[in-house]
PDB file of all heavy atoms in Angstrom:
ATOM      1  N   GLY A   1       0.837  -1.166   0.010  1.00  0.00           N
ATOM      2  CA  GLY A   1      -0.037   0.028   0.055  1.00  0.00           C
ATOM      3  C   GLY A   1       0.848   1.245  -0.012  1.00  0.00           C
ATOM      4  O   GLY A   1       2.079   1.192  -0.130  1.00  0.00           O
ATOM      5  N   SER A   2       0.225   2.400   0.160  1.00  0.00           N
ATOM      6  CA  SER A   2       0.880   3.649   0.222  1.00  0.00           C
ATOM      7  C   SER A   2       0.789   4.249   1.613  1.00  0.00           C
ATOM      8  O   SER A   2      -0.217   4.361   2.185  1.00  0.00           O
ATOM      9  CB  SER A   2       0.194   4.668  -0.804  1.00  0.00           C
ATOM     10  OG  SER A   2       0.300   4.170  -2.082  1.00  0.00           O
ATOM     11  N   VAL A   3       2.016   4.596   2.169  1.00  0.00           N
ATOM     12  CA  VAL A   3       2.121   5.105   3.461  1.00  0.00           C
ATOM     13  C   VAL A   3       3.007   6.309   3.560  1.00  0.00           C
ATOM     14  O   VAL A   3       3.804   6.485   2.571  1.00  0.00           O
ATOM     15  CB  VAL A   3       2.549   4.053   4.513  1.00  0.00           C
ATOM     16  CG1 VAL A   3       1.589   2.861   4.595  1.00  0.00           C
ATOM     17  CG2 VAL A   3       3.967   3.561   4.148  1.00  0.00           C
ATOM     18  N   GLN A   4       3.020   7.019   4.602  1.00  0.00           N
ATOM     19  CA  GLN A   4       3.949   8.116   4.835  1.00  0.00           C
ATOM     20  C   GLN A   4       5.190   7.643   5.453  1.00  0.00           C
ATOM     21  O   GLN A   4       5.201   6.630   6.178  1.00  0.00           O
ATOM     22  CB  GLN A   4       3.261   9.205   5.629  1.00  0.00           C
ATOM     23  CG  GLN A   4       2.095   9.918   4.917  1.00  0.00           C
ATOM     24  CD  GLN A   4       1.554  11.037   5.790  1.00  0.00           C
ATOM     25  OE1 GLN A   4       1.694  11.064   6.937  1.00  0.00           O
ATOM     26  NE2 GLN A   4       0.930  11.996   5.152  1.00  0.00           N
ATOM     27  N   ALA A   5       6.226   8.435   5.229  1.00  0.00           N
ATOM     28  CA  ALA A   5       7.568   8.051   5.882  1.00  0.00           C
ATOM     29  C   ALA A   5       7.333   7.958   7.359  1.00  0.00           C
ATOM     30  O   ALA A   5       6.671   8.781   7.995  1.00  0.00           O
ATOM     31  CB  ALA A   5       8.571   9.113   5.555  1.00  0.00           C
ATOM     32  N   GLY A   6       8.002   6.964   7.969  1.00  0.00           N
ATOM     33  CA  GLY A   6       7.946   6.689   9.421  1.00  0.00           C
ATOM     34  C   GLY A   6       6.840   5.766   9.808  1.00  0.00           C
ATOM     35  O   GLY A   6       6.791   5.259  10.877  1.00  0.00           O
ATOM     36  N   ALA A   7       5.952   5.398   8.828  1.00  0.00           N
ATOM     37  CA  ALA A   7       4.869   4.462   9.121  1.00  0.00           C
ATOM     38  C   ALA A   7       5.344   3.015   9.049  1.00  0.00           C
ATOM     39  O   ALA A   7       6.424   2.803   8.646  1.00  0.00           O
ATOM     40  CB  ALA A   7       3.733   4.659   8.098  1.00  0.00           C
ATOM     41  N   SER A   8       4.453   2.143   9.445  1.00  0.00           N
ATOM     42  CA  SER A   8       4.718   0.681   9.359  1.00  0.00           C
ATOM     43  C   SER A   8       3.731   0.015   8.472  1.00  0.00           C
ATOM     44  O   SER A   8       2.707   0.478   8.185  1.00  0.00           O
ATOM     45  CB  SER A   8       4.610   0.126  10.825  1.00  0.00           C
ATOM     46  OG  SER A   8       5.520   0.560  11.684  1.00  0.00           O
ATOM     47  N   LEU A   9       4.217  -1.116   7.955  1.00  0.00           N
ATOM     48  CA  LEU A   9       3.401  -1.949   7.000  1.00  0.00           C
ATOM     49  C   LEU A   9       3.920  -3.336   7.079  1.00  0.00           C
ATOM     50  O   LEU A   9       5.071  -3.599   7.305  1.00  0.00           O
ATOM     51  CB  LEU A   9       3.581  -1.390   5.571  1.00  0.00           C
ATOM     52  CG  LEU A   9       2.549  -1.769   4.570  1.00  0.00           C
ATOM     53  CD1 LEU A   9       1.155  -1.179   4.870  1.00  0.00           C
ATOM     54  CD2 LEU A   9       2.992  -1.248   3.180  1.00  0.00           C
ATOM     55  N   ARG A  10       2.962  -4.274   7.031  1.00  0.00           N
ATOM     56  CA  ARG A  10       3.314  -5.658   7.031  1.00  0.00           C
ATOM     57  C   ARG A  10       2.805  -6.287   5.744  1.00  0.00           C
ATOM     58  O   ARG A  10       1.588  -6.195   5.367  1.00  0.00           O
ATOM     59  CB  ARG A  10       2.751  -6.418   8.178  1.00  0.00           C
ATOM     60  CG  ARG A  10       3.275  -7.889   8.275  1.00  0.00           C
ATOM     61  CD  ARG A  10       2.751  -8.646   9.461  1.00  0.00           C
ATOM     62  NE  ARG A  10       1.373  -9.034   9.309  1.00  0.00           N
ATOM     63  CZ  ARG A  10       0.798  -9.921  10.108  1.00  0.00           C
ATOM     64  NH1 ARG A  10       1.470 -10.532  11.098  1.00  0.00           N
ATOM     65  NH2 ARG A  10      -0.496 -10.210   9.939  1.00  0.00           N
ATOM     66  N   VAL A  11       3.710  -6.892   4.928  1.00  0.00           N
ATOM     67  CA  VAL A  11       3.359  -7.547   3.741  1.00  0.00           C
ATOM     68  C   VAL A  11       3.371  -9.031   4.081  1.00  0.00           C
ATOM     69  O   VAL A  11       4.207  -9.535   4.883  1.00  0.00           O
ATOM     70  CB  VAL A  11       4.246  -7.233   2.563  1.00  0.00           C
ATOM     71  CG1 VAL A  11       3.983  -5.832   2.110  1.00  0.00           C
ATOM     72  CG2 VAL A  11       5.703  -7.382   2.884  1.00  0.00           C
ATOM     73  N   SER A  12       2.537  -9.780   3.428  1.00  0.00           N
ATOM     74  CA  SER A  12       2.349 -11.295   3.650  1.00  0.00           C
ATOM     75  C   SER A  12       2.639 -11.969   2.333  1.00  0.00           C
ATOM     76  O   SER A  12       2.370 -11.470   1.247  1.00  0.00           O
ATOM     77  CB  SER A  12       0.974 -11.558   4.151  1.00  0.00           C
ATOM     78  OG  SER A  12       0.749 -10.855   5.331  1.00  0.00           O
ATOM     79  N   CYS A  13       2.954 -13.262   2.453  1.00  0.00           N
ATOM     80  CA  CYS A  13       3.190 -14.123   1.319  1.00  0.00           C
ATOM     81  C   CYS A  13       2.533 -15.448   1.689  1.00  0.00           C
ATOM     82  O   CYS A  13       3.076 -16.207   2.536  1.00  0.00           O
ATOM     83  CB  CYS A  13       4.659 -14.312   1.040  1.00  0.00           C
ATOM     84  SG  CYS A  13       5.064 -15.458  -0.306  1.00  0.00           S
ATOM     85  N   ALA A  14       1.453 -15.735   1.011  1.00  0.00           N
ATOM     86  CA  ALA A  14       0.754 -16.956   1.249  1.00  0.00           C
ATOM     87  C   ALA A  14       1.211 -18.015   0.218  1.00  0.00           C
ATOM     88  O   ALA A  14       1.231 -17.788  -0.918  1.00  0.00           O
ATOM     89  CB  ALA A  14      -0.791 -16.721   1.144  1.00  0.00           C
ATOM     90  N   ALA A  15       1.578 -19.220   0.810  1.00  0.00           N
ATOM     91  CA  ALA A  15       2.096 -20.249  -0.090  1.00  0.00           C
ATOM     92  C   ALA A  15       1.137 -21.382  -0.108  1.00  0.00           C
ATOM     93  O   ALA A  15       0.470 -21.775   0.918  1.00  0.00           O
ATOM     94  CB  ALA A  15       3.454 -20.785   0.577  1.00  0.00           C
ATOM     95  N   SER A  16       0.960 -21.900  -1.299  1.00  0.00           N
ATOM     96  CA  SER A  16       0.216 -23.228  -1.557  1.00  0.00           C
ATOM     97  C   SER A  16       1.238 -24.279  -1.582  1.00  0.00           C
ATOM     98  O   SER A  16       2.387 -24.086  -2.062  1.00  0.00           O
ATOM     99  CB  SER A  16      -0.677 -23.091  -2.685  1.00  0.00           C
ATOM    100  OG  SER A  16       0.153 -22.986  -3.853  1.00  0.00           O
ATOM    101  N   GLY A  17       0.810 -25.488  -1.261  1.00  0.00           N
ATOM    102  CA  GLY A  17       1.761 -26.596  -1.333  1.00  0.00           C
ATOM    103  C   GLY A  17       2.107 -27.040   0.048  1.00  0.00           C
ATOM    104  O   GLY A  17       2.575 -26.295   0.858  1.00  0.00           O
ATOM    105  N   ARG A  18       2.049 -28.344   0.371  1.00  0.00           N
ATOM    106  CA  ARG A  18       2.251 -28.865   1.715  1.00  0.00           C
ATOM    107  C   ARG A  18       3.793 -28.833   2.058  1.00  0.00           C
ATOM    108  O   ARG A  18       4.037 -29.057   3.194  1.00  0.00           O
ATOM    109  CB  ARG A  18       1.684 -30.189   1.826  1.00  0.00           C
ATOM    110  CG  ARG A  18       2.317 -31.280   0.942  1.00  0.00           C
ATOM    111  CD  ARG A  18       1.512 -32.509   0.847  1.00  0.00           C
ATOM    112  NE  ARG A  18       1.122 -33.059   2.184  1.00  0.00           N
ATOM    113  CZ  ARG A  18       0.266 -34.006   2.449  1.00  0.00           C
ATOM    114  NH1 ARG A  18      -0.355 -34.599   1.490  1.00  0.00           N
ATOM    115  NH2 ARG A  18       0.033 -34.399   3.667  1.00  0.00           N
ATOM    116  N   THR A  19       4.596 -28.563   1.134  1.00  0.00           N
ATOM    117  CA  THR A  19       6.102 -28.602   1.396  1.00  0.00           C
ATOM    118  C   THR A  19       6.637 -27.253   1.767  1.00  0.00           C
ATOM    119  O   THR A  19       7.876 -27.135   1.895  1.00  0.00           O
ATOM    120  CB  THR A  19       6.795 -29.170   0.152  1.00  0.00           C
ATOM    121  OG1 THR A  19       6.670 -28.351  -0.948  1.00  0.00           O
ATOM    122  CG2 THR A  19       6.388 -30.617  -0.112  1.00  0.00           C
ATOM    123  N   PHE A  20       5.786 -26.145   1.838  1.00  0.00           N
ATOM    124  CA  PHE A  20       6.313 -24.897   2.120  1.00  0.00           C
ATOM    125  C   PHE A  20       7.223 -24.871   3.423  1.00  0.00           C
ATOM    126  O   PHE A  20       8.247 -24.150   3.448  1.00  0.00           O
ATOM    127  CB  PHE A  20       5.163 -23.901   2.244  1.00  0.00           C
ATOM    128  CG  PHE A  20       5.677 -22.473   2.647  1.00  0.00           C
ATOM    129  CD1 PHE A  20       6.478 -21.744   1.775  1.00  0.00           C
ATOM    130  CD2 PHE A  20       5.402 -21.925   3.873  1.00  0.00           C
ATOM    131  CE1 PHE A  20       6.930 -20.505   2.075  1.00  0.00           C
ATOM    132  CE2 PHE A  20       5.877 -20.670   4.224  1.00  0.00           C
ATOM    133  CZ  PHE A  20       6.585 -19.939   3.354  1.00  0.00           C
ATOM    134  N   SER A  21       6.808 -25.676   4.399  1.00  0.00           N
ATOM    135  CA  SER A  21       7.573 -25.675   5.658  1.00  0.00           C
ATOM    136  C   SER A  21       8.981 -26.280   5.503  1.00  0.00           C
ATOM    137  O   SER A  21       9.808 -26.136   6.411  1.00  0.00           O
ATOM    138  CB  SER A  21       6.808 -26.457   6.685  1.00  0.00           C
ATOM    139  OG  SER A  21       6.619 -27.803   6.313  1.00  0.00           O
ATOM    140  N   SER A  22       9.270 -26.876   4.330  1.00  0.00           N
ATOM    141  CA  SER A  22      10.563 -27.379   4.055  1.00  0.00           C
ATOM    142  C   SER A  22      11.439 -26.381   3.306  1.00  0.00           C
ATOM    143  O   SER A  22      12.636 -26.708   3.061  1.00  0.00           O
ATOM    144  CB  SER A  22      10.467 -28.716   3.294  1.00  0.00           C
ATOM    145  OG  SER A  22       9.854 -29.743   3.985  1.00  0.00           O
ATOM    146  N   HIS A  23      10.945 -25.264   2.961  1.00  0.00           N
ATOM    147  CA  HIS A  23      11.609 -24.301   2.142  1.00  0.00           C
ATOM    148  C   HIS A  23      12.120 -23.064   2.955  1.00  0.00           C
ATOM    149  O   HIS A  23      11.354 -22.559   3.840  1.00  0.00           O
ATOM    150  CB  HIS A  23      10.621 -23.702   1.017  1.00  0.00           C
ATOM    151  CG  HIS A  23      10.266 -24.650   0.000  1.00  0.00           C
ATOM    152  ND1 HIS A  23       9.569 -25.843   0.196  1.00  0.00           N
ATOM    153  CD2 HIS A  23      10.571 -24.710  -1.364  1.00  0.00           C
ATOM    154  CE1 HIS A  23       9.360 -26.472  -0.901  1.00  0.00           C
ATOM    155  NE2 HIS A  23      10.041 -25.781  -1.892  1.00  0.00           N
ATOM    156  N   ALA A  24      13.379 -22.689   2.678  1.00  0.00           N
ATOM    157  CA  ALA A  24      13.801 -21.395   3.044  1.00  0.00           C
ATOM    158  C   ALA A  24      12.987 -20.376   2.221  1.00  0.00           C
ATOM    159  O   ALA A  24      12.561 -20.633   1.131  1.00  0.00           O
ATOM    160  CB  ALA A  24      15.258 -21.225   2.778  1.00  0.00           C
ATOM    161  N   ALA A  25      12.840 -19.205   2.798  1.00  0.00           N
ATOM    162  CA  ALA A  25      12.032 -18.139   2.140  1.00  0.00           C
ATOM    163  C   ALA A  25      12.688 -16.812   2.238  1.00  0.00           C
ATOM    164  O   ALA A  25      13.524 -16.538   3.189  1.00  0.00           O
ATOM    165  CB  ALA A  25      10.629 -18.101   2.734  1.00  0.00           C
ATOM    166  N   GLY A  26      12.366 -15.957   1.337  1.00  0.00           N
ATOM    167  CA  GLY A  26      12.946 -14.598   1.444  1.00  0.00           C
ATOM    168  C   GLY A  26      12.028 -13.507   0.762  1.00  0.00           C
ATOM    169  O   GLY A  26      11.002 -13.741   0.239  1.00  0.00           O
ATOM    170  N   TRP A  27      12.535 -12.302   0.926  1.00  0.00           N
ATOM    171  CA  TRP A  27      11.907 -11.112   0.376  1.00  0.00           C
ATOM    172  C   TRP A  27      12.868 -10.363  -0.443  1.00  0.00           C
ATOM    173  O   TRP A  27      14.067 -10.171  -0.038  1.00  0.00           O
ATOM    174  CB  TRP A  27      11.329 -10.229   1.435  1.00  0.00           C
ATOM    175  CG  TRP A  27      10.057 -10.761   2.094  1.00  0.00           C
ATOM    176  CD1 TRP A  27      10.025 -11.378   3.229  1.00  0.00           C
ATOM    177  CD2 TRP A  27       8.712 -10.555   1.558  1.00  0.00           C
ATOM    178  NE1 TRP A  27       8.667 -11.770   3.516  1.00  0.00           N
ATOM    179  CE2 TRP A  27       7.897 -11.190   2.514  1.00  0.00           C
ATOM    180  CE3 TRP A  27       8.184  -9.964   0.451  1.00  0.00           C
ATOM    181  CZ2 TRP A  27       6.536 -11.259   2.326  1.00  0.00           C
ATOM    182  CZ3 TRP A  27       6.790  -9.994   0.308  1.00  0.00           C
ATOM    183  CH2 TRP A  27       5.977 -10.692   1.228  1.00  0.00           C
ATOM    184  N   PHE A  28      12.530  -9.927  -1.557  1.00  0.00           N
ATOM    185  CA  PHE A  28      13.280  -9.038  -2.539  1.00  0.00           C
ATOM    186  C   PHE A  28      12.444  -7.852  -2.823  1.00  0.00           C
ATOM    187  O   PHE A  28      11.274  -7.823  -2.665  1.00  0.00           O
ATOM    188  CB  PHE A  28      13.739  -9.825  -3.769  1.00  0.00           C
ATOM    189  CG  PHE A  28      14.753 -10.895  -3.599  1.00  0.00           C
ATOM    190  CD1 PHE A  28      14.509 -12.059  -2.910  1.00  0.00           C
ATOM    191  CD2 PHE A  28      16.088 -10.639  -4.066  1.00  0.00           C
ATOM    192  CE1 PHE A  28      15.469 -13.054  -2.765  1.00  0.00           C
ATOM    193  CE2 PHE A  28      17.055 -11.635  -3.770  1.00  0.00           C
ATOM    194  CZ  PHE A  28      16.763 -12.784  -3.194  1.00  0.00           C
TER     195      PHE A  28
END
């Protein structure tokens, strides 16, 4: 979303597939 400097935001990544718990994950 759009926020002002100093604000907070949480982005989420929903995974499908039962093997997600076996994966390392990251953000770019």
